[in-house]
PDB file of N, CA and C in Angstrom:
ATOM      1  N   MET A   1     -90.391 139.520 135.128  1.00  0.00           N
ATOM      2  CA  MET A   1     -90.538 138.810 134.008  1.00  0.00           C
ATOM      3  C   MET A   1     -89.606 138.245 133.025  1.00  0.00           C
ATOM      4  N   ALA A   2     -89.276 136.909 132.700  1.00  0.00           N
ATOM      5  CA  ALA A   2     -88.175 136.563 131.716  1.00  0.00           C
ATOM      6  C   ALA A   2     -88.300 137.135 130.562  1.00  0.00           C
ATOM      7  N   GLU A   3     -87.129 137.680 129.882  1.00  0.00           N
ATOM      8  CA  GLU A   3     -86.871 137.891 128.534  1.00  0.00           C
ATOM      9  C   GLU A   3     -87.105 136.701 127.573  1.00  0.00           C
ATOM     10  N   SER A   4     -87.986 137.224 126.633  1.00  0.00           N
ATOM     11  CA  SER A   4     -88.401 136.255 125.279  1.00  0.00           C
ATOM     12  C   SER A   4     -87.120 135.805 124.818  1.00  0.00           C
ATOM     13  N   ARG A   5     -86.975 134.633 124.284  1.00  0.00           N
ATOM     14  CA  ARG A   5     -85.725 134.010 123.612  1.00  0.00           C
ATOM     15  C   ARG A   5     -86.361 133.717 122.235  1.00  0.00           C
ATOM     16  N   PHE A   6     -85.352 134.118 121.267  1.00  0.00           N
ATOM     17  CA  PHE A   6     -85.846 134.047 119.898  1.00  0.00           C
ATOM     18  C   PHE A   6     -84.589 133.004 119.075  1.00  0.00           C
ATOM     19  N   LEU A   7     -84.945 132.436 117.992  1.00  0.00           N
ATOM     20  CA  LEU A   7     -83.961 131.770 117.131  1.00  0.00           C
ATOM     21  C   LEU A   7     -83.889 132.712 115.917  1.00  0.00           C
ATOM     22  N   VAL A   8     -82.419 132.380 115.323  1.00  0.00           N
ATOM     23  CA  VAL A   8     -82.292 132.773 113.812  1.00  0.00           C
ATOM     24  C   VAL A   8     -82.603 131.816 113.103  1.00  0.00           C
ATOM     25  N   VAL A   9     -83.444 131.840 112.246  1.00  0.00           N
ATOM     26  CA  VAL A   9     -84.001 130.700 111.339  1.00  0.00           C
ATOM     27  C   VAL A   9     -83.466 131.206 109.910  1.00  0.00           C
ATOM     28  N   ARG A  10     -83.319 130.177 108.922  1.00  0.00           N
ATOM     29  CA  ARG A  10     -83.174 130.304 107.393  1.00  0.00           C
ATOM     30  C   ARG A  10     -83.961 129.187 106.656  1.00  0.00           C
ATOM     31  N   ASN A  11     -84.318 129.788 105.550  1.00  0.00           N
ATOM     32  CA  ASN A  11     -85.149 128.789 104.667  1.00  0.00           C
ATOM     33  C   ASN A  11     -84.428 128.226 103.513  1.00  0.00           C
ATOM     34  N   ASP A  12     -84.640 127.346 102.545  1.00  0.00           N
ATOM     35  CA  ASP A  12     -83.871 126.939 101.714  1.00  0.00           C
ATOM     36  C   ASP A  12     -83.442 127.927 100.586  1.00  0.00           C
ATOM     37  N   GLU A  13     -83.835 129.173 100.488  1.00  0.00           N
ATOM     38  CA  GLU A  13     -83.410 130.093  99.582  1.00  0.00           C
ATOM     39  C   GLU A  13     -82.411 130.920 100.350  1.00  0.00           C
ATOM     40  N   GLU A  14     -82.001 130.445 101.583  1.00  0.00           N
ATOM     41  CA  GLU A  14     -81.101 131.104 102.317  1.00  0.00           C
ATOM     42  C   GLU A  14     -81.650 132.637 102.602  1.00  0.00           C
ATOM     43  N   GLN A  15     -82.853 132.963 102.855  1.00  0.00           N
ATOM     44  CA  GLN A  15     -83.450 134.096 103.542  1.00  0.00           C
ATOM     45  C   GLN A  15     -83.605 133.759 105.107  1.00  0.00           C
ATOM     46  N   TYR A  16     -83.362 134.879 105.781  1.00  0.00           N
ATOM     47  CA  TYR A  16     -83.189 134.724 107.075  1.00  0.00           C
ATOM     48  C   TYR A  16     -84.663 135.350 107.904  1.00  0.00           C
ATOM     49  N   SER A  17     -84.520 135.046 109.031  1.00  0.00           N
ATOM     50  CA  SER A  17     -85.783 135.468 109.814  1.00  0.00           C
ATOM     51  C   SER A  17     -85.715 135.409 111.537  1.00  0.00           C
ATOM     52  N   ILE A  18     -86.339 135.724 112.347  1.00  0.00           N
ATOM     53  CA  ILE A  18     -86.073 135.278 113.894  1.00  0.00           C
ATOM     54  C   ILE A  18     -87.466 134.643 113.923  1.00  0.00           C
ATOM     55  N   TRP A  19     -87.305 133.729 114.985  1.00  0.00           N
ATOM     56  CA  TRP A  19     -88.533 132.843 115.453  1.00  0.00           C
ATOM     57  C   TRP A  19     -88.559 132.744 116.906  1.00  0.00           C
ATOM     58  N   SER A  20     -89.599 132.818 117.411  1.00  0.00           N
ATOM     59  CA  SER A  20     -89.708 132.459 118.890  1.00  0.00           C
ATOM     60  C   SER A  20     -89.508 131.235 119.405  1.00  0.00           C
ATOM     61  N   ALA A  21     -88.442 131.123 120.069  1.00  0.00           N
ATOM     62  CA  ALA A  21     -87.763 129.715 120.833  1.00  0.00           C
ATOM     63  C   ALA A  21     -88.773 128.899 121.263  1.00  0.00           C
ATOM     64  N   ASP A  22     -89.722 129.214 121.952  1.00  0.00           N
ATOM     65  CA  ASP A  22     -90.859 128.418 122.476  1.00  0.00           C
ATOM     66  C   ASP A  22     -91.832 127.792 121.252  1.00  0.00           C
ATOM     67  N   ARG A  23     -91.561 128.285 120.115  1.00  0.00           N
ATOM     68  CA  ARG A  23     -92.783 127.682 118.962  1.00  0.00           C
ATOM     69  C   ARG A  23     -92.109 126.832 118.203  1.00  0.00           C
ATOM     70  N   GLU A  24     -92.906 125.910 117.564  1.00  0.00           N
ATOM     71  CA  GLU A  24     -92.200 124.750 116.452  1.00  0.00           C
ATOM     72  C   GLU A  24     -92.009 125.739 115.203  1.00  0.00           C
ATOM     73  N   LEU A  25     -90.820 125.365 114.765  1.00  0.00           N
ATOM     74  CA  LEU A  25     -90.595 126.090 113.249  1.00  0.00           C
ATOM     75  C   LEU A  25     -91.616 125.740 112.226  1.00  0.00           C
ATOM     76  N   PRO A  26     -91.853 126.828 111.322  1.00  0.00           N
ATOM     77  CA  PRO A  26     -92.695 126.425 110.428  1.00  0.00           C
ATOM     78  C   PRO A  26     -92.271 125.767 109.179  1.00  0.00           C
ATOM     79  N   ALA A  27     -92.863 125.017 108.478  1.00  0.00           N
ATOM     80  CA  ALA A  27     -92.406 124.075 107.241  1.00  0.00           C
ATOM     81  C   ALA A  27     -91.398 125.105 106.296  1.00  0.00           C
ATOM     82  N   GLY A  28     -90.176 124.557 106.199  1.00  0.00           N
ATOM     83  CA  GLY A  28     -89.290 125.053 105.122  1.00  0.00           C
ATOM     84  C   GLY A  28     -88.306 125.770 105.917  1.00  0.00           C
ATOM     85  N   TRP A  29     -88.370 126.165 107.056  1.00  0.00           N
ATOM     86  CA  TRP A  29     -87.341 126.772 107.904  1.00  0.00           C
ATOM     87  C   TRP A  29     -86.387 125.947 108.727  1.00  0.00           C
ATOM     88  N   HIS A  30     -85.261 126.284 108.892  1.00  0.00           N
ATOM     89  CA  HIS A  30     -84.160 125.705 109.920  1.00  0.00           C
ATOM     90  C   HIS A  30     -83.597 126.509 110.818  1.00  0.00           C
ATOM     91  N   ASP A  31     -83.136 125.837 112.012  1.00  0.00           N
ATOM     92  CA  ASP A  31     -82.395 126.636 113.003  1.00  0.00           C
ATOM     93  C   ASP A  31     -81.359 126.847 112.437  1.00  0.00           C
ATOM     94  N   THR A  32     -80.467 128.006 112.536  1.00  0.00           N
ATOM     95  CA  THR A  32     -79.083 128.235 112.477  1.00  0.00           C
ATOM     96  C   THR A  32     -78.108 127.852 113.383  1.00  0.00           C
ATOM     97  N   GLY A  33     -78.824 127.685 114.671  1.00  0.00           N
ATOM     98  CA  GLY A  33     -77.968 127.462 115.837  1.00  0.00           C
ATOM     99  C   GLY A  33     -77.500 128.802 116.535  1.00  0.00           C
ATOM    100  N   PHE A  34     -78.150 129.889 115.815  1.00  0.00           N
ATOM    101  CA  PHE A  34     -78.086 131.231 116.937  1.00  0.00           C
ATOM    102  C   PHE A  34     -79.168 131.524 117.832  1.00  0.00           C
ATOM    103  N   ALA A  35     -79.236 131.703 119.022  1.00  0.00           N
ATOM    104  CA  ALA A  35     -80.229 131.922 119.661  1.00  0.00           C
ATOM    105  C   ALA A  35     -79.850 133.193 120.735  1.00  0.00           C
ATOM    106  N   GLY A  36     -81.142 134.130 121.169  1.00  0.00           N
ATOM    107  CA  GLY A  36     -80.904 135.097 122.047  1.00  0.00           C
ATOM    108  C   GLY A  36     -82.035 136.176 122.543  1.00  0.00           C
ATOM    109  N   SER A  37     -81.646 137.207 122.641  1.00  0.00           N
ATOM    110  CA  SER A  37     -83.000 138.133 122.508  1.00  0.00           C
ATOM    111  C   SER A  37     -83.424 138.640 121.288  1.00  0.00           C
ATOM    112  N   ARG A  38     -84.382 139.144 121.016  1.00  0.00           N
ATOM    113  CA  ARG A  38     -84.841 139.785 119.939  1.00  0.00           C
ATOM    114  C   ARG A  38     -83.551 140.569 119.200  1.00  0.00           C
ATOM    115  N   GLU A  39     -83.270 141.503 119.953  1.00  0.00           N
ATOM    116  CA  GLU A  39     -82.261 142.600 119.405  1.00  0.00           C
ATOM    117  C   GLU A  39     -80.938 141.518 119.196  1.00  0.00           C
ATOM    118  N   GLU A  40     -80.625 140.681 119.897  1.00  0.00           N
ATOM    119  CA  GLU A  40     -79.239 139.884 119.643  1.00  0.00           C
ATOM    120  C   GLU A  40     -79.711 139.323 118.254  1.00  0.00           C
ATOM    121  N   CYS A  41     -80.883 138.500 118.019  1.00  0.00           N
ATOM    122  CA  CYS A  41     -80.814 137.982 116.867  1.00  0.00           C
ATOM    123  C   CYS A  41     -81.077 138.805 115.467  1.00  0.00           C
ATOM    124  N   LEU A  42     -81.618 139.856 115.669  1.00  0.00           N
ATOM    125  CA  LEU A  42     -81.742 140.887 114.781  1.00  0.00           C
ATOM    126  C   LEU A  42     -80.418 141.504 114.412  1.00  0.00           C
ATOM    127  N   ALA A  43     -79.578 141.603 115.325  1.00  0.00           N
ATOM    128  CA  ALA A  43     -78.126 141.975 115.048  1.00  0.00           C
ATOM    129  C   ALA A  43     -77.468 141.034 114.149  1.00  0.00           C
ATOM    130  N   HIS A  44     -77.665 139.631 114.705  1.00  0.00           N
ATOM    131  CA  HIS A  44     -77.082 138.844 113.862  1.00  0.00           C
ATOM    132  C   HIS A  44     -77.436 138.415 112.715  1.00  0.00           C
ATOM    133  N   VAL A  45     -78.749 138.672 112.199  1.00  0.00           N
ATOM    134  CA  VAL A  45     -78.966 138.672 110.835  1.00  0.00           C
ATOM    135  C   VAL A  45     -78.553 139.791 110.094  1.00  0.00           C
ATOM    136  N   ASP A  46     -78.536 140.836 110.713  1.00  0.00           N
ATOM    137  CA  ASP A  46     -77.741 141.899 109.782  1.00  0.00           C
ATOM    138  C   ASP A  46     -76.422 141.630 109.503  1.00  0.00           C
ATOM    139  N   GLU A  47     -75.775 140.714 110.407  1.00  0.00           N
ATOM    140  CA  GLU A  47     -74.443 140.527 110.178  1.00  0.00           C
ATOM    141  C   GLU A  47     -74.080 139.535 109.220  1.00  0.00           C
ATOM    142  N   VAL A  48     -74.877 138.404 109.279  1.00  0.00           N
ATOM    143  CA  VAL A  48     -74.691 137.187 108.416  1.00  0.00           C
ATOM    144  C   VAL A  48     -75.550 137.363 106.860  1.00  0.00           C
ATOM    145  N   TRP A  49     -76.591 138.256 106.914  1.00  0.00           N
ATOM    146  CA  TRP A  49     -77.301 138.141 105.595  1.00  0.00           C
ATOM    147  C   TRP A  49     -76.965 139.262 104.864  1.00  0.00           C
ATOM    148  N   THR A  50     -75.877 139.193 104.206  1.00  0.00           N
ATOM    149  CA  THR A  50     -75.349 140.301 103.339  1.00  0.00           C
ATOM    150  C   THR A  50     -75.831 140.647 101.966  1.00  0.00           C
ATOM    151  N   ASP A  51     -76.453 139.684 101.474  1.00  0.00           N
ATOM    152  CA  ASP A  51     -76.931 139.646 100.188  1.00  0.00           C
ATOM    153  C   ASP A  51     -78.370 139.372 100.284  1.00  0.00           C
ATOM    154  N   MET A  52     -79.347 140.108 100.417  1.00  0.00           N
ATOM    155  CA  MET A  52     -80.879 139.979 100.371  1.00  0.00           C
ATOM    156  C   MET A  52     -81.322 138.940  99.347  1.00  0.00           C
ATOM    157  N   ARG A  53     -80.760 138.868  98.179  1.00  0.00           N
ATOM    158  CA  ARG A  53     -81.360 138.125  96.879  1.00  0.00           C
ATOM    159  C   ARG A  53     -81.504 136.497  97.406  1.00  0.00           C
ATOM    160  N   PRO A  54     -82.590 135.876  97.060  1.00  0.00           N
ATOM    161  CA  PRO A  54     -82.857 134.537  97.082  1.00  0.00           C
ATOM    162  C   PRO A  54     -81.666 134.013  96.679  1.00  0.00           C
ATOM    163  N   ARG A  55     -81.351 132.728  97.101  1.00  0.00           N
ATOM    164  CA  ARG A  55     -80.050 131.770  96.448  1.00  0.00           C
ATOM    165  C   ARG A  55     -80.405 131.565  95.013  1.00  0.00           C
ATOM    166  N   SER A  56     -81.858 131.347  94.714  1.00  0.00           N
ATOM    167  CA  SER A  56     -82.009 130.829  93.332  1.00  0.00           C
ATOM    168  C   SER A  56     -81.707 131.861  92.161  1.00  0.00           C
ATOM    169  N   VAL A  57     -81.929 133.344  92.652  1.00  0.00           N
ATOM    170  CA  VAL A  57     -81.900 134.326  91.897  1.00  0.00           C
ATOM    171  C   VAL A  57     -80.295 134.453  91.845  1.00  0.00           C
ATOM    172  N   ARG A  58     -79.307 134.241  93.203  1.00  0.00           N
ATOM    173  CA  ARG A  58     -77.882 134.700  93.163  1.00  0.00           C
ATOM    174  C   ARG A  58     -77.435 133.534  91.967  1.00  0.00           C
ATOM    175  N   GLU A  59     -77.815 132.208  92.071  1.00  0.00           N
ATOM    176  CA  GLU A  59     -77.075 131.166  91.202  1.00  0.00           C
ATOM    177  C   GLU A  59     -77.561 131.425  89.777  1.00  0.00           C
ATOM    178  N   ALA A  60     -78.503 131.987  89.519  1.00  0.00           N
ATOM    179  CA  ALA A  60     -78.995 132.320  88.130  1.00  0.00           C
ATOM    180  C   ALA A  60     -78.261 133.408  87.551  1.00  0.00           C
ATOM    181  N   LEU A  61     -77.870 134.246  88.346  1.00  0.00           N
ATOM    182  CA  LEU A  61     -77.194 135.532  87.722  1.00  0.00           C
ATOM    183  C   LEU A  61     -75.773 135.204  87.914  1.00  0.00           C
ATOM    184  N   SER A  62     -75.098 134.255  88.300  1.00  0.00           N
ATOM    185  CA  SER A  62     -73.669 133.907  88.352  1.00  0.00           C
ATOM    186  C   SER A  62     -73.146 133.125  87.315  1.00  0.00           C
TER     187      SER A  62
END
């Protein structure tokens, strides 16, 4: 059985998630261009999502 493929997705607030590659993306989420196994995608999110605050909060505080 083939391993499931996932995409790393990001919304307009620059919050990250993973999404099954064979499903249509939900409204407001965009493909970041990274795909892989669930574990690979979660590791990538851990690497790139260094500030968990939504973009609007970061901008308001800067």
